[in-house]
C-alpha atoms as a PDB file:
ATOM      1  CA  MET A   1     118.588 106.920  -7.753  1.00  0.00           C
ATOM      2  CA  SER A   2     119.200 103.855  -5.612  1.00  0.00           C
ATOM      3  CA  TYR A   3     118.201 100.362  -6.717  1.00  0.00           C
ATOM      4  CA  PRO A   4     117.670  97.234  -4.620  1.00  0.00           C
ATOM      5  CA  VAL A   5     120.937  95.324  -4.179  1.00  0.00           C
ATOM      6  CA  HIS A   6     121.077  91.518  -3.974  1.00  0.00           C
ATOM      7  CA  PRO A   7     123.825  88.900  -3.793  1.00  0.00           C
ATOM      8  CA  LEU A   8     124.066  87.297  -7.231  1.00  0.00           C
ATOM      9  CA  GLN A   9     123.030  83.927  -5.765  1.00  0.00           C
ATOM     10  CA  ASP A  10     119.671  85.415  -4.728  1.00  0.00           C
ATOM     11  CA  VAL A  11     118.719  86.280  -8.322  1.00  0.00           C
ATOM     12  CA  GLY A  12     120.115  83.072  -9.780  1.00  0.00           C
ATOM     13  CA  GLU A  13     118.636  79.606 -10.013  1.00  0.00           C
ATOM     14  CA  SER A  14     122.201  78.308  -9.669  1.00  0.00           C
ATOM     15  CA  ILE A  15     125.837  79.368 -10.003  1.00  0.00           C
ATOM     16  CA  PHE A  16     128.366  76.614 -10.602  1.00  0.00           C
ATOM     17  CA  GLN A  17     131.801  75.941 -12.060  1.00  0.00           C
ATOM     18  CA  GLY A  18     132.274  74.242 -15.429  1.00  0.00           C
ATOM     19  CA  LEU A  19     133.598  70.762 -16.106  1.00  0.00           C
ATOM     20  CA  SER A  20     137.249  69.685 -15.793  1.00  0.00           C
ATOM     21  CA  VAL A  21     137.497  68.760 -19.469  1.00  0.00           C
ATOM     22  CA  SER A  22     140.851  66.945 -19.290  1.00  0.00           C
ATOM     23  CA  ARG A  23     139.399  64.391 -16.862  1.00  0.00           C
ATOM     24  CA  TYR A  24     136.749  63.188 -19.326  1.00  0.00           C
ATOM     25  CA  ARG A  25     138.469  63.556 -22.721  1.00  0.00           C
ATOM     26  CA  GLU A  26     138.608  60.401 -24.804  1.00  0.00           C
ATOM     27  CA  LYS A  27     139.744  60.057 -28.402  1.00  0.00           C
ATOM     28  CA  GLY A  28     136.927  58.551 -30.450  1.00  0.00           C
ATOM     29  CA  GLY A  29     134.383  59.474 -27.767  1.00  0.00           C
ATOM     30  CA  VAL A  30     131.204  61.552 -28.002  1.00  0.00           C
ATOM     31  CA  SER A  31     131.758  64.962 -29.669  1.00  0.00           C
ATOM     32  CA  GLU A  32     130.532  67.940 -27.661  1.00  0.00           C
ATOM     33  CA  LEU A  33     130.855  71.694 -28.107  1.00  0.00           C
ATOM     34  CA  ILE A  34     132.871  73.361 -25.339  1.00  0.00           C
ATOM     35  CA  VAL A  35     132.543  76.951 -24.070  1.00  0.00           C
ATOM     36  CA  ASN A  36     135.553  78.491 -22.376  1.00  0.00           C
ATOM     37  CA  VAL A  37     137.100  81.905 -21.698  1.00  0.00           C
ATOM     38  CA  LYS A  38     138.197  82.434 -25.325  1.00  0.00           C
ATOM     39  CA  ASP A  39     134.516  82.310 -26.388  1.00  0.00           C
ATOM     40  CA  LEU A  40     133.529  85.283 -24.225  1.00  0.00           C
ATOM     41  CA  ASP A  41     134.804  88.131 -26.410  1.00  0.00           C
ATOM     42  CA  SER A  42     131.324  89.482 -27.204  1.00  0.00           C
ATOM     43  CA  ILE A  43     128.331  89.975 -24.957  1.00  0.00           C
ATOM     44  CA  TYR A  44     126.533  87.094 -26.714  1.00  0.00           C
ATOM     45  CA  ILE A  45     128.159  83.768 -27.630  1.00  0.00           C
ATOM     46  CA  ASN A  46     127.511  83.416 -31.359  1.00  0.00           C
ATOM     47  CA  GLN A  47     130.785  82.148 -32.833  1.00  0.00           C
ATOM     48  CA  GLU A  48     131.674  78.579 -33.710  1.00  0.00           C
ATOM     49  CA  LEU A  49     132.704  76.607 -30.658  1.00  0.00           C
ATOM     50  CA  GLU A  50     135.510  74.086 -30.327  1.00  0.00           C
ATOM     51  CA  THR A  51     134.494  70.413 -30.369  1.00  0.00           C
ATOM     52  CA  ILE A  52     135.991  67.986 -27.848  1.00  0.00           C
ATOM     53  CA  GLU A  53     135.493  64.232 -27.614  1.00  0.00           C
ATOM     54  CA  PHE A  54     134.287  63.021 -24.224  1.00  0.00           C
ATOM     55  CA  SER A  55     134.118  59.548 -22.758  1.00  0.00           C
ATOM     56  CA  SER A  56     130.670  58.081 -23.406  1.00  0.00           C
ATOM     57  CA  THR A  57     130.458  57.164 -19.703  1.00  0.00           C
ATOM     58  CA  ALA A  58     131.099  60.761 -18.534  1.00  0.00           C
ATOM     59  CA  ASN A  59     128.174  62.387 -16.746  1.00  0.00           C
ATOM     60  CA  ILE A  60     128.416  65.821 -18.358  1.00  0.00           C
ATOM     61  CA  ASP A  61     124.762  66.847 -18.669  1.00  0.00           C
ATOM     62  CA  ARG A  62     124.968  68.878 -15.465  1.00  0.00           C
ATOM     63  CA  TYR A  63     127.437  71.195 -17.287  1.00  0.00           C
ATOM     64  CA  ARG A  64     125.300  71.609 -20.405  1.00  0.00           C
ATOM     65  CA  LEU A  65     124.498  75.260 -21.089  1.00  0.00           C
ATOM     66  CA  ARG A  66     120.994  76.627 -21.567  1.00  0.00           C
ATOM     67  CA  GLU A  67     119.919  79.686 -23.482  1.00  0.00           C
ATOM     68  CA  ASN A  68     120.217  82.807 -21.241  1.00  0.00           C
ATOM     69  CA  ASP A  69     122.900  81.309 -18.977  1.00  0.00           C
ATOM     70  CA  VAL A  70     125.708  83.773 -18.313  1.00  0.00           C
ATOM     71  CA  VAL A  71     129.197  82.302 -18.633  1.00  0.00           C
ATOM     72  CA  ILE A  72     131.752  84.093 -16.406  1.00  0.00           C
ATOM     73  CA  ALA A  73     135.550  83.685 -16.556  1.00  0.00           C
ATOM     74  CA  ILE A  74     136.976  82.632 -13.178  1.00  0.00           C
ATOM     75  CA  ARG A  75     140.573  82.075 -14.360  1.00  0.00           C
ATOM     76  CA  GLY A  76     142.704  84.273 -16.577  1.00  0.00           C
ATOM     77  CA  SER A  77     140.539  87.125 -17.906  1.00  0.00           C
ATOM     78  CA  LEU A  78     138.557  87.431 -14.706  1.00  0.00           C
ATOM     79  CA  LEU A  79     134.843  88.157 -14.985  1.00  0.00           C
ATOM     80  CA  LYS A  80     134.866  88.347 -18.778  1.00  0.00           C
ATOM     81  CA  SER A  81     131.262  87.296 -19.422  1.00  0.00           C
ATOM     82  CA  ALA A  82     128.839  86.422 -22.198  1.00  0.00           C
ATOM     83  CA  VAL A  83     125.268  85.189 -22.599  1.00  0.00           C
ATOM     84  CA  VAL A  84     124.465  81.777 -24.069  1.00  0.00           C
ATOM     85  CA  THR A  85     122.339  82.111 -27.220  1.00  0.00           C
ATOM     86  CA  LYS A  86     120.234  79.604 -29.159  1.00  0.00           C
ATOM     87  CA  THR A  87     123.257  78.830 -31.339  1.00  0.00           C
ATOM     88  CA  SER A  88     125.518  78.078 -28.355  1.00  0.00           C
ATOM     89  CA  GLN A  89     123.039  76.346 -26.035  1.00  0.00           C
ATOM     90  CA  GLY A  90     123.758  72.690 -25.383  1.00  0.00           C
ATOM     91  CA  GLY A  91     127.506  73.309 -25.248  1.00  0.00           C
ATOM     92  CA  ILE A  92     129.499  72.175 -22.224  1.00  0.00           C
ATOM     93  CA  ALA A  93     131.037  74.754 -19.871  1.00  0.00           C
ATOM     94  CA  GLY A  94     134.796  74.324 -19.381  1.00  0.00           C
ATOM     95  CA  GLN A  95     136.556  74.422 -16.025  1.00  0.00           C
ATOM     96  CA  ASN A  96     137.809  78.012 -16.307  1.00  0.00           C
ATOM     97  CA  VAL A  97     134.305  79.462 -16.244  1.00  0.00           C
ATOM     98  CA  ALA A  98     131.359  79.682 -13.903  1.00  0.00           C
ATOM     99  CA  ILE A  99     127.754  79.602 -15.039  1.00  0.00           C
ATOM    100  CA  PHE A 100     125.085  81.935 -13.697  1.00  0.00           C
ATOM    101  CA  ARG A 101     121.594  80.643 -14.449  1.00  0.00           C
ATOM    102  CA  PRO A 102     118.980  83.372 -13.776  1.00  0.00           C
ATOM    103  CA  LYS A 103     115.855  82.546 -11.779  1.00  0.00           C
ATOM    104  CA  ASP A 104     113.605  84.774 -13.860  1.00  0.00           C
ATOM    105  CA  VAL A 105     114.648  86.623 -17.034  1.00  0.00           C
ATOM    106  CA  LYS A 106     111.683  88.969 -16.538  1.00  0.00           C
ATOM    107  CA  ILE A 107     113.353  90.288 -13.377  1.00  0.00           C
ATOM    108  CA  VAL A 108     117.062  90.010 -14.264  1.00  0.00           C
ATOM    109  CA  SER A 109     118.311  90.320 -17.824  1.00  0.00           C
ATOM    110  CA  PRO A 110     121.176  87.889 -18.597  1.00  0.00           C
ATOM    111  CA  GLY A 111     122.704  90.625 -20.785  1.00  0.00           C
ATOM    112  CA  TYR A 112     122.636  93.029 -17.837  1.00  0.00           C
ATOM    113  CA  ILE A 113     124.475  90.516 -15.625  1.00  0.00           C
ATOM    114  CA  ALA A 114     127.094  89.950 -18.364  1.00  0.00           C
ATOM    115  CA  VAL A 115     127.616  93.707 -18.754  1.00  0.00           C
ATOM    116  CA  LEU A 116     127.890  94.143 -14.969  1.00  0.00           C
ATOM    117  CA  MET A 117     130.471  91.355 -14.686  1.00  0.00           C
ATOM    118  CA  ARG A 118     132.570  93.006 -17.415  1.00  0.00           C
ATOM    119  CA  SER A 119     132.348  96.440 -15.777  1.00  0.00           C
ATOM    120  CA  VAL A 120     135.170  98.244 -13.997  1.00  0.00           C
ATOM    121  CA  TRP A 121     132.713  98.795 -11.151  1.00  0.00           C
ATOM    122  CA  ILE A 122     132.534  95.040 -10.376  1.00  0.00           C
ATOM    123  CA  LYS A 123     136.194  94.375 -11.198  1.00  0.00           C
ATOM    124  CA  GLN A 124     137.288  96.881  -8.533  1.00  0.00           C
ATOM    125  CA  THR A 125     135.448  94.727  -5.997  1.00  0.00           C
ATOM    126  CA  PHE A 126     137.658  91.807  -6.973  1.00  0.00           C
ATOM    127  CA  LEU A 127     140.955  93.677  -7.260  1.00  0.00           C
ATOM    128  CA  MET A 128     142.060  92.621  -3.775  1.00  0.00           C
ATOM    129  CA  LEU A 129     140.969  89.018  -4.353  1.00  0.00           C
ATOM    130  CA  GLN A 130     142.997  88.917  -7.565  1.00  0.00           C
ATOM    131  CA  GLN A 131     146.081  90.387  -5.850  1.00  0.00           C
ATOM    132  CA  ARG A 132     146.015  87.836  -3.048  1.00  0.00           C
ATOM    133  CA  SER A 133     145.939  84.919  -5.523  1.00  0.00           C
ATOM    134  CA  SER A 134     149.106  82.839  -5.105  1.00  0.00           C
ATOM    135  CA  THR A 135     149.042  81.450  -8.654  1.00  0.00           C
ATOM    136  CA  THR A 136     150.411  83.181 -11.735  1.00  0.00           C
ATOM    137  CA  LEU A 137     147.009  82.820 -13.412  1.00  0.00           C
ATOM    138  CA  PRO A 138     144.520  85.140 -11.679  1.00  0.00           C
ATOM    139  CA  SER A 139     141.466  83.319 -10.369  1.00  0.00           C
ATOM    140  CA  ILE A 140     138.427  83.733  -8.159  1.00  0.00           C
ATOM    141  CA  ARG A 141     136.209  81.160  -6.494  1.00  0.00           C
ATOM    142  CA  VAL A 142     132.619  80.484  -7.489  1.00  0.00           C
ATOM    143  CA  SER A 143     131.587  81.191  -3.876  1.00  0.00           C
ATOM    144  CA  GLU A 144     132.985  84.726  -4.313  1.00  0.00           C
ATOM    145  CA  ILE A 145     130.906  85.202  -7.458  1.00  0.00           C
ATOM    146  CA  ARG A 146     127.793  84.002  -5.617  1.00  0.00           C
ATOM    147  CA  SER A 147     128.283  86.696  -2.983  1.00  0.00           C
ATOM    148  CA  ILE A 148     128.757  89.628  -5.413  1.00  0.00           C
ATOM    149  CA  LYS A 149     126.157  92.238  -4.548  1.00  0.00           C
ATOM    150  CA  VAL A 150     124.489  93.650  -7.659  1.00  0.00           C
ATOM    151  CA  PRO A 151     121.951  96.446  -8.080  1.00  0.00           C
ATOM    152  CA  ILE A 152     118.770  95.292  -9.828  1.00  0.00           C
ATOM    153  CA  PRO A 153     117.013  98.210 -11.531  1.00  0.00           C
ATOM    154  CA  GLU A 154     113.742  97.904 -13.453  1.00  0.00           C
ATOM    155  CA  MET A 155     113.917  95.826 -16.632  1.00  0.00           C
ATOM    156  CA  ASP A 156     113.752  98.868 -18.949  1.00  0.00           C
ATOM    157  CA  ILE A 157     116.864 100.322 -17.254  1.00  0.00           C
ATOM    158  CA  GLN A 158     118.657  96.957 -17.538  1.00  0.00           C
ATOM    159  CA  ASN A 159     117.790  96.814 -21.250  1.00  0.00           C
ATOM    160  CA  GLU A 160     119.073 100.381 -21.793  1.00  0.00           C
ATOM    161  CA  ILE A 161     122.386  99.425 -20.174  1.00  0.00           C
ATOM    162  CA  VAL A 162     122.696  96.349 -22.404  1.00  0.00           C
ATOM    163  CA  GLN A 163     121.905  98.394 -25.540  1.00  0.00           C
ATOM    164  CA  ALA A 164     124.506 101.025 -24.593  1.00  0.00           C
ATOM    165  CA  PHE A 165     127.097  98.274 -24.128  1.00  0.00           C
ATOM    166  CA  LEU A 166     126.177  96.678 -27.481  1.00  0.00           C
ATOM    167  CA  LEU A 167     126.647 100.060 -29.209  1.00  0.00           C
ATOM    168  CA  LEU A 168     130.047 100.395 -27.535  1.00  0.00           C
ATOM    169  CA  GLU A 169     130.975  96.856 -28.669  1.00  0.00           C
ATOM    170  CA  GLN A 170     129.957  97.717 -32.237  1.00  0.00           C
ATOM    171  CA  TYR A 171     131.956 100.966 -32.132  1.00  0.00           C
ATOM    172  CA  LYS A 172     135.048  99.101 -30.854  1.00  0.00           C
ATOM    173  CA  SER A 173     134.706  96.523 -33.621  1.00  0.00           C
ATOM    174  CA  LEU A 174     134.426  99.201 -36.314  1.00  0.00           C
ATOM    175  CA  SER A 175     137.373 101.125 -34.837  1.00  0.00           C
ATOM    176  CA  LEU A 176     139.569  97.997 -34.780  1.00  0.00           C
ATOM    177  CA  GLU A 177     138.615  97.228 -38.377  1.00  0.00           C
ATOM    178  CA  ALA A 178     139.564 100.786 -39.411  1.00  0.00           C
ATOM    179  CA  ILE A 179     142.937 100.403 -37.650  1.00  0.00           C
ATOM    180  CA  ARG A 180     143.582  97.062 -39.390  1.00  0.00           C
ATOM    181  CA  THR A 181     142.711  98.629 -42.763  1.00  0.00           C
ATOM    182  CA  ARG A 182     145.143 101.522 -42.145  1.00  0.00           C
ATOM    183  CA  GLU A 183     147.871  99.098 -41.042  1.00  0.00           C
ATOM    184  CA  ASN A 184     147.400  97.100 -44.264  1.00  0.00           C
ATOM    185  CA  LEU A 185     147.590 100.276 -46.372  1.00  0.00           C
ATOM    186  CA  ILE A 186     150.803 101.359 -44.641  1.00  0.00           C
ATOM    187  CA  GLU A 187     152.328  97.869 -45.021  1.00  0.00           C
ATOM    188  CA  THR A 188     151.435  97.838 -48.725  1.00  0.00           C
ATOM    189  CA  PHE A 189     152.868 101.338 -49.189  1.00  0.00           C
ATOM    190  CA  LEU A 190     156.068 100.339 -47.353  1.00  0.00           C
ATOM    191  CA  ALA A 191     156.458  97.183 -49.454  1.00  0.00           C
ATOM    192  CA  GLU A 192     156.034  99.205 -52.661  1.00  0.00           C
ATOM    193  CA  LEU A 193     158.638 101.750 -51.529  1.00  0.00           C
ATOM    194  CA  LEU A 194     161.171  99.081 -50.602  1.00  0.00           C
ATOM    195  CA  GLU A 195     160.721  97.212 -53.892  1.00  0.00           C
ATOM    196  CA  ARG A 196     161.510 100.268 -56.088  1.00  0.00           C
END
C-alpha cells in the first residue's frame, strides 16, 4: 500500500537548529536544562538532563523545547531522534541537534517521526551526504532534514509502528541487562578461581 509522501517541512510547524551553548555560557548565570545527542538514546526523553548556566542576557527562549517536539541529531550520531516529554519540556536544545515541531499531532505522530529518523530506510537517504562531509564528525544540514520526504500513513498505522519500535527497545534493554548479568557472573567466577 502506498501512502502520501511529504517533505518533512510540510508537516512541521518549524524545523530549526539548537543553540550554540558555548556562546552563552556564564558561570553563576541562569541554570537551564540542556538536551543534546547523548539524551536521545530512547524514543522518549525521560532521563535527567544536564544543567548549564547561561548568561542572563542571552535570548534563549527560541530554543526552548515543547512537549511533542522531535529532537534530531545533526552531528555525530546522525538522525538519532527522540520525542520531548512533559518531564523534558522547557529544556534548551543544544547546537548538535535540530528540532522538528509538528503542525498537528493528530495528523503526524511525533513518535512516528522519531522512529522514521532512526530507521535504516531514512539513513540510507543520507549515506551519500554523510560520505561527502569534509569533517571527521559526520553532520547534515537542517535544510537537508527539512527536505526529507516521509510517508504519512493513517494515525493508527503510525501508532502501530511506534508500538513495535517501543517493544523492540524494551527487548534490547532486557537483552543488554541479561548480557551484563552474565558478564558479572563470569567475572565473579574468574575472580574466585584466581584467588584459590
